[in-house]
Amino acid sequence: MMKAQYEKKKIREFFDLVENEKYDLRKYSRPVLVYTIDENEIVKYSLWEEDLLRRFGLENVDGWDYEEDLLFCPDWIQDAEEDDDDDDDDDLF
């Protein structure tokens, strides 16, 4: 299932880390990063205009433009369940 990131700062961070220069965020008035992570830890992604994505719906996105290894992507791209829970234990002391 595809996920969407609407925060421009995080989208810019993503493109800085994956070093994909084919997208120019200045061409988008309200960019949305649409992505999914497959079983081989490959991030498949595209950049959409927010109004276009809202019109067709995230559930109808069935393709992507580029792929990148999860290793080169920011931490926030992973599911919350996959986050390291060790940080939670520090609050107990």
Protein backbone atom coordinates (compact mmCIF):
# COMPACT_ATOMS: atom_id res chain seq x y z
CA MET A 1 0.00 0.00 0.00
CA MET A 2 1.27 3.43 -0.90
CA LYS A 3 1.92 6.09 1.73
CA ALA A 4 2.09 9.85 1.33
CA GLN A 5 4.35 12.50 2.85
CA TYR A 6 3.01 16.05 2.61
CA GLU A 7 5.66 17.88 4.65
CA LYS A 8 7.95 19.75 2.26
CA LYS A 9 10.92 19.70 4.65
CA LYS A 10 10.82 15.88 4.84
CA ILE A 11 10.39 15.57 1.08
CA ARG A 12 13.46 17.75 0.54
CA GLU A 13 15.40 15.62 3.05
CA PHE A 14 14.39 12.47 1.18
CA PHE A 15 15.60 13.80 -2.19
CA ASP A 16 18.83 15.09 -0.66
CA LEU A 17 19.62 11.67 0.78
CA VAL A 18 18.74 9.63 -2.30
CA GLU A 19 20.45 12.21 -4.53
CA ASN A 20 17.72 12.12 -7.16
CA GLU A 21 18.15 15.33 -9.13
CA LYS A 22 15.44 14.52 -11.68
CA TYR A 23 12.77 16.12 -9.52
CA ASP A 24 12.74 19.88 -9.09
CA LEU A 25 10.55 20.73 -6.09
CA ARG A 26 10.23 24.32 -7.33
CA LYS A 27 8.01 23.06 -10.15
CA TYR A 28 5.42 21.81 -7.66
CA SER A 29 3.19 24.19 -5.76
CA ARG A 30 2.23 21.52 -3.17
CA PRO A 31 4.40 18.42 -3.65
CA VAL A 32 3.52 15.06 -2.10
CA LEU A 33 5.98 12.18 -1.92
CA VAL A 34 4.12 8.92 -2.59
CA TYR A 35 6.05 5.77 -1.69
CA THR A 36 5.93 2.14 -0.69
CA ILE A 37 8.52 -0.28 0.66
CA ASP A 38 8.62 -3.76 -0.85
CA GLU A 39 9.68 -7.02 0.81
CA ASN A 40 13.29 -6.52 -0.40
CA GLU A 41 13.53 -3.16 1.42
CA ILE A 42 13.38 -1.19 -1.82
CA VAL A 43 11.56 2.14 -1.66
CA LYS A 44 9.46 2.79 -4.76
CA TYR A 45 8.42 6.42 -5.09
CA SER A 46 6.97 9.24 -7.16
CA LEU A 47 6.27 12.91 -6.61
CA TRP A 48 2.69 14.12 -7.07
CA GLU A 49 0.93 17.44 -6.98
CA GLU A 50 -1.35 17.48 -3.91
CA ASP A 51 -4.57 18.46 -5.70
CA LEU A 52 -4.07 15.72 -8.31
CA LEU A 53 -3.43 13.11 -5.61
CA ARG A 54 -6.53 14.21 -3.67
CA ARG A 55 -8.64 14.03 -6.83
CA PHE A 56 -7.64 10.46 -7.70
CA GLY A 57 -6.91 9.19 -4.18
CA LEU A 58 -3.86 7.52 -2.73
CA GLU A 59 -5.54 4.11 -3.01
CA ASN A 60 -5.57 4.46 -6.81
CA VAL A 61 -1.82 5.03 -7.14
CA ASP A 62 -0.44 1.79 -8.52
CA GLY A 63 2.92 2.78 -9.97
CA TRP A 64 6.10 4.66 -9.21
CA ASP A 65 8.83 6.48 -11.10
CA TYR A 66 11.98 5.54 -9.20
CA GLU A 67 13.40 2.98 -6.78
CA GLU A 68 15.93 3.40 -4.01
CA ASP A 69 17.44 1.08 -1.40
CA LEU A 70 15.91 1.69 2.04
CA LEU A 71 19.42 2.04 3.43
CA PHE A 72 19.83 5.41 1.67
CA CYS A 73 16.46 6.83 2.78
CA PRO A 74 15.66 8.88 5.91
CA ASP A 75 14.56 7.06 9.05
CA TRP A 76 11.02 8.45 8.98
CA ILE A 77 10.26 6.55 5.76
CA GLN A 78 10.04 3.27 7.69
CA ASP A 79 6.91 2.16 9.48
CA ALA A 80 6.48 3.11 13.13
CA GLU A 81 6.42 -0.59 14.05
CA GLU A 82 9.93 -1.00 12.70
CA ASP A 83 11.33 1.83 14.83
CA ASP A 84 13.76 0.94 17.56
CA ASP A 85 11.86 0.70 20.86
CA ASP A 86 15.02 1.07 23.00
CA ASP A 87 14.41 4.82 23.27
CA ASP A 88 11.15 4.17 25.13
CA ASP A 89 12.99 2.31 27.93
CA ASP A 90 15.10 5.38 28.75
CA ASP A 91 12.00 7.24 29.99
CA LEU A 92 11.57 4.80 32.88
CA PHE A 93 14.63 5.98 34.83
